[in-house]
Amino acid sequence: MRSTCLGSEVRGEASLTEEGNAEAGSPYNQAVEIVLKSRRASIWLVQPPLRIVYSRAARLIDAIERAAIVSSTQTNGDREIVARSKQLFALLR
């Protein structure tokens, strides 16, 4: 666990991409599963099923980008799924 300072509040948050894996059932893993199943990486797509606030969903999508699963935002606002199928299979285990 690492602490991330956001304004005046401090939140404990698992280091998702540094550790290489988050615990099973974590919001990160659930977000990855949603993105891979829908083939779309959208903050608005992961927010409702995970019942999290917009900023948390945005951080999850950013972590998924840092893990090289999706591309950065393109000019039209879309993100492309860039991970290979073997990587994706390993992520869903």
N, C-alpha and C. Protein backbone atom coordinates (compact mmCIF):
# COMPACT_ATOMS: atom_id res chain seq x y z
N MET A 1 0.83 -1.18 0.00
CA MET A 1 0.00 0.00 0.00
C MET A 1 0.88 1.24 0.00
N ARG A 2 0.49 2.21 -0.78
CA ARG A 2 1.19 3.48 -0.72
C ARG A 2 0.15 4.55 -0.45
N SER A 3 0.55 5.65 0.11
CA SER A 3 -0.37 6.75 0.36
C SER A 3 -0.19 7.78 -0.73
N THR A 4 -1.30 8.23 -1.24
CA THR A 4 -1.28 9.25 -2.27
C THR A 4 -1.93 10.48 -1.70
N CYS A 5 -1.27 11.60 -1.73
CA CYS A 5 -1.82 12.83 -1.20
C CYS A 5 -2.60 13.54 -2.29
N LEU A 6 -3.87 13.73 -2.05
CA LEU A 6 -4.73 14.42 -3.00
C LEU A 6 -5.33 15.63 -2.29
N GLY A 7 -4.79 16.80 -2.53
CA GLY A 7 -5.26 18.00 -1.83
C GLY A 7 -4.94 17.87 -0.37
N SER A 8 -5.96 18.02 0.47
CA SER A 8 -5.73 17.94 1.91
C SER A 8 -6.02 16.55 2.46
N GLU A 9 -6.50 15.64 1.62
CA GLU A 9 -6.78 14.31 2.13
C GLU A 9 -5.74 13.31 1.65
N VAL A 10 -5.50 12.31 2.44
CA VAL A 10 -4.54 11.26 2.10
C VAL A 10 -5.33 9.97 1.97
N ARG A 11 -5.12 9.27 0.86
CA ARG A 11 -5.81 8.01 0.63
C ARG A 11 -4.80 6.90 0.48
N GLY A 12 -5.11 5.75 1.03
CA GLY A 12 -4.29 4.57 0.81
C GLY A 12 -4.74 3.92 -0.49
N GLU A 13 -3.80 3.63 -1.36
CA GLU A 13 -4.16 3.06 -2.66
C GLU A 13 -3.09 2.06 -3.06
N ALA A 14 -3.50 0.88 -3.50
CA ALA A 14 -2.53 -0.13 -3.92
C ALA A 14 -1.75 0.38 -5.11
N SER A 15 -0.48 0.10 -5.12
CA SER A 15 0.36 0.47 -6.26
C SER A 15 0.10 -0.55 -7.36
N LEU A 16 -0.79 -0.21 -8.25
CA LEU A 16 -1.31 -1.17 -9.21
C LEU A 16 -0.31 -1.60 -10.25
N THR A 17 0.38 -0.65 -10.85
CA THR A 17 1.28 -1.01 -11.93
C THR A 17 2.68 -1.32 -11.43
N GLU A 18 3.07 -0.82 -10.28
CA GLU A 18 4.40 -1.08 -9.76
C GLU A 18 4.52 -2.50 -9.23
N GLU A 19 3.48 -2.99 -8.58
CA GLU A 19 3.52 -4.34 -8.04
C GLU A 19 3.26 -5.38 -9.11
N GLY A 20 2.69 -4.95 -10.24
CA GLY A 20 2.44 -5.87 -11.33
C GLY A 20 1.09 -6.55 -11.26
N ASN A 21 0.53 -6.65 -10.07
CA ASN A 21 -0.80 -7.22 -9.96
C ASN A 21 -1.48 -6.67 -8.71
N ALA A 22 -2.74 -6.52 -8.79
CA ALA A 22 -3.53 -6.11 -7.64
C ALA A 22 -4.27 -7.34 -7.14
N GLU A 23 -4.79 -7.27 -5.94
CA GLU A 23 -5.48 -8.43 -5.40
C GLU A 23 -6.74 -8.74 -6.20
N ALA A 24 -7.08 -10.00 -6.26
CA ALA A 24 -8.26 -10.43 -7.02
C ALA A 24 -9.51 -9.76 -6.47
N GLY A 25 -10.38 -9.34 -7.36
CA GLY A 25 -11.61 -8.68 -6.95
C GLY A 25 -11.45 -7.20 -6.66
N SER A 26 -10.26 -6.69 -6.86
CA SER A 26 -10.02 -5.28 -6.60
C SER A 26 -10.71 -4.43 -7.67
N PRO A 27 -10.99 -3.16 -7.39
CA PRO A 27 -11.58 -2.29 -8.40
C PRO A 27 -10.74 -2.23 -9.68
N TYR A 28 -9.42 -2.28 -9.55
CA TYR A 28 -8.56 -2.25 -10.73
C TYR A 28 -8.82 -3.47 -11.62
N ASN A 29 -8.81 -4.65 -11.02
CA ASN A 29 -9.05 -5.87 -11.80
C ASN A 29 -10.44 -5.87 -12.42
N GLN A 30 -11.42 -5.39 -11.67
CA GLN A 30 -12.78 -5.31 -12.20
C GLN A 30 -12.84 -4.32 -13.36
N ALA A 31 -12.14 -3.19 -13.25
CA ALA A 31 -12.12 -2.20 -14.33
C ALA A 31 -11.45 -2.78 -15.57
N VAL A 32 -10.36 -3.51 -15.38
CA VAL A 32 -9.67 -4.15 -16.52
C VAL A 32 -10.63 -5.13 -17.20
N GLU A 33 -11.34 -5.91 -16.42
CA GLU A 33 -12.28 -6.87 -16.99
C GLU A 33 -13.39 -6.17 -17.78
N ILE A 34 -13.91 -5.08 -17.26
CA ILE A 34 -14.96 -4.32 -17.96
C ILE A 34 -14.42 -3.77 -19.27
N VAL A 35 -13.22 -3.20 -19.23
CA VAL A 35 -12.62 -2.62 -20.43
C VAL A 35 -12.38 -3.70 -21.49
N LEU A 36 -11.85 -4.85 -21.07
CA LEU A 36 -11.55 -5.90 -22.04
C LEU A 36 -12.80 -6.54 -22.63
N LYS A 37 -13.81 -6.72 -21.80
CA LYS A 37 -15.05 -7.32 -22.31
C LYS A 37 -15.79 -6.39 -23.26
N SER A 38 -15.78 -5.10 -22.96
CA SER A 38 -16.51 -4.14 -23.80
C SER A 38 -15.66 -3.65 -24.97
N ARG A 39 -14.32 -3.88 -24.88
CA ARG A 39 -13.37 -3.40 -25.90
C ARG A 39 -13.38 -1.87 -25.98
N ARG A 40 -13.75 -1.22 -24.88
CA ARG A 40 -13.76 0.25 -24.80
C ARG A 40 -13.20 0.64 -23.45
N ALA A 41 -12.37 1.67 -23.43
CA ALA A 41 -11.81 2.18 -22.18
C ALA A 41 -12.40 3.55 -21.92
N SER A 42 -13.39 3.59 -21.07
CA SER A 42 -14.09 4.83 -20.79
C SER A 42 -14.33 4.97 -19.29
N ILE A 43 -14.08 6.15 -18.78
CA ILE A 43 -14.33 6.42 -17.37
C ILE A 43 -15.81 6.18 -17.07
N TRP A 44 -16.67 6.69 -17.95
CA TRP A 44 -18.11 6.56 -17.76
C TRP A 44 -18.56 5.10 -17.85
N LEU A 45 -17.82 4.26 -18.49
CA LEU A 45 -18.18 2.86 -18.62
C LEU A 45 -17.88 2.07 -17.34
N VAL A 46 -16.78 2.38 -16.67
CA VAL A 46 -16.40 1.63 -15.47
C VAL A 46 -17.00 2.20 -14.18
N GLN A 47 -17.40 3.44 -14.21
CA GLN A 47 -17.89 4.09 -12.99
C GLN A 47 -19.16 3.44 -12.40
N PRO A 48 -20.24 3.28 -13.16
CA PRO A 48 -21.46 2.73 -12.56
C PRO A 48 -21.36 1.31 -12.01
N PRO A 49 -20.78 0.35 -12.76
CA PRO A 49 -20.73 -1.01 -12.21
C PRO A 49 -19.86 -1.13 -10.96
N LEU A 50 -18.85 -0.28 -10.86
CA LEU A 50 -17.96 -0.34 -9.69
C LEU A 50 -18.46 0.52 -8.54
N ARG A 51 -19.47 1.35 -8.83
CA ARG A 51 -20.03 2.26 -7.81
C ARG A 51 -18.96 3.13 -7.17
N ILE A 52 -18.19 3.79 -8.03
CA ILE A 52 -17.12 4.66 -7.58
C ILE A 52 -17.32 6.05 -8.17
N VAL A 53 -16.67 7.03 -7.59
CA VAL A 53 -16.78 8.40 -8.08
C VAL A 53 -15.95 8.56 -9.36
N TYR A 54 -16.25 9.61 -10.11
CA TYR A 54 -15.60 9.87 -11.40
C TYR A 54 -14.08 9.91 -11.28
N SER A 55 -13.57 10.62 -10.26
CA SER A 55 -12.11 10.77 -10.13
C SER A 55 -11.42 9.43 -9.89
N ARG A 56 -12.05 8.55 -9.14
CA ARG A 56 -11.48 7.21 -8.89
C ARG A 56 -11.49 6.40 -10.17
N ALA A 57 -12.58 6.48 -10.94
CA ALA A 57 -12.66 5.78 -12.22
C ALA A 57 -11.59 6.30 -13.18
N ALA A 58 -11.36 7.61 -13.16
CA ALA A 58 -10.33 8.20 -14.02
C ALA A 58 -8.95 7.68 -13.64
N ARG A 59 -8.68 7.56 -12.35
CA ARG A 59 -7.37 7.03 -11.92
C ARG A 59 -7.21 5.57 -12.33
N LEU A 60 -8.29 4.81 -12.29
CA LEU A 60 -8.22 3.41 -12.72
C LEU A 60 -7.92 3.32 -14.21
N ILE A 61 -8.58 4.13 -15.02
CA ILE A 61 -8.32 4.13 -16.46
C ILE A 61 -6.88 4.58 -16.73
N ASP A 62 -6.39 5.56 -15.98
CA ASP A 62 -4.99 5.98 -16.13
C ASP A 62 -4.03 4.85 -15.77
N ALA A 63 -4.35 4.08 -14.73
CA ALA A 63 -3.50 2.95 -14.33
C ALA A 63 -3.53 1.87 -15.41
N ILE A 64 -4.68 1.66 -16.02
CA ILE A 64 -4.79 0.69 -17.11
C ILE A 64 -3.95 1.15 -18.30
N GLU A 65 -3.92 2.44 -18.53
CA GLU A 65 -3.07 2.99 -19.60
C GLU A 65 -1.59 2.78 -19.28
N ARG A 66 -1.18 3.05 -18.02
CA ARG A 66 0.22 2.87 -17.62
C ARG A 66 0.64 1.41 -17.70
N ALA A 67 -0.31 0.50 -17.55
CA ALA A 67 -0.02 -0.93 -17.65
C ALA A 67 0.03 -1.39 -19.10
N ALA A 68 -0.11 -0.47 -20.04
CA ALA A 68 -0.03 -0.74 -21.49
C ALA A 68 -1.14 -1.67 -21.97
N ILE A 69 -2.30 -1.55 -21.35
CA ILE A 69 -3.45 -2.32 -21.80
C ILE A 69 -4.23 -1.51 -22.83
N VAL A 70 -4.31 -0.20 -22.60
CA VAL A 70 -4.97 0.70 -23.54
C VAL A 70 -4.02 1.84 -23.91
N SER A 71 -4.31 2.47 -25.04
CA SER A 71 -3.49 3.60 -25.48
C SER A 71 -3.90 4.86 -24.73
N SER A 72 -3.12 5.90 -24.92
CA SER A 72 -3.51 7.20 -24.37
C SER A 72 -4.69 7.72 -25.19
N THR A 73 -5.32 8.75 -24.68
CA THR A 73 -6.47 9.31 -25.36
C THR A 73 -6.07 9.85 -26.73
N GLN A 74 -6.81 9.46 -27.75
CA GLN A 74 -6.56 9.95 -29.10
C GLN A 74 -7.29 11.27 -29.29
N THR A 75 -7.11 11.90 -30.44
CA THR A 75 -7.72 13.21 -30.68
C THR A 75 -9.24 13.19 -30.59
N ASN A 76 -9.86 12.06 -30.90
CA ASN A 76 -11.31 11.96 -30.81
C ASN A 76 -11.79 11.53 -29.43
N GLY A 77 -10.86 11.35 -28.49
CA GLY A 77 -11.20 10.98 -27.12
C GLY A 77 -11.23 9.49 -26.85
N ASP A 78 -11.10 8.69 -27.89
CA ASP A 78 -11.12 7.23 -27.72
C ASP A 78 -9.75 6.71 -27.30
N ARG A 79 -9.78 5.52 -26.72
CA ARG A 79 -8.56 4.78 -26.38
C ARG A 79 -8.63 3.44 -27.09
N GLU A 80 -7.49 2.98 -27.54
CA GLU A 80 -7.42 1.72 -28.26
C GLU A 80 -6.89 0.64 -27.32
N ILE A 81 -7.44 -0.58 -27.42
CA ILE A 81 -6.92 -1.72 -26.65
C ILE A 81 -5.62 -2.14 -27.34
N VAL A 82 -4.49 -2.08 -26.61
CA VAL A 82 -3.20 -2.35 -27.23
C VAL A 82 -2.51 -3.60 -26.70
N ALA A 83 -2.99 -4.17 -25.61
CA ALA A 83 -2.36 -5.36 -25.06
C ALA A 83 -2.63 -6.55 -25.98
N ARG A 84 -1.69 -7.45 -26.06
CA ARG A 84 -1.85 -8.66 -26.89
C ARG A 84 -2.72 -9.67 -26.17
N SER A 85 -3.28 -10.59 -26.90
CA SER A 85 -4.23 -11.55 -26.34
C SER A 85 -3.62 -12.40 -25.22
N LYS A 86 -2.34 -12.77 -25.32
CA LYS A 86 -1.71 -13.55 -24.25
C LYS A 86 -1.62 -12.72 -22.98
N GLN A 87 -1.30 -11.44 -23.11
CA GLN A 87 -1.24 -10.56 -21.94
C GLN A 87 -2.63 -10.42 -21.33
N LEU A 88 -3.64 -10.28 -22.16
CA LEU A 88 -5.00 -10.12 -21.67
C LEU A 88 -5.46 -11.35 -20.92
N PHE A 89 -5.13 -12.53 -21.45
CA PHE A 89 -5.51 -13.77 -20.78
C PHE A 89 -4.87 -13.85 -19.41
N ALA A 90 -3.61 -13.47 -19.30
CA ALA A 90 -2.91 -13.50 -18.02
C ALA A 90 -3.52 -12.51 -17.03
N LEU A 91 -4.00 -11.37 -17.53
CA LEU A 91 -4.59 -10.37 -16.66
C LEU A 91 -5.91 -10.83 -16.05
N LEU A 92 -6.65 -11.62 -16.78
CA LEU A 92 -7.97 -12.05 -16.30
C LEU A 92 -7.91 -13.27 -15.39
N ARG A 93 -6.74 -13.84 -15.21
CA ARG A 93 -6.61 -14.99 -14.30
C ARG A 93 -6.81 -14.60 -12.89
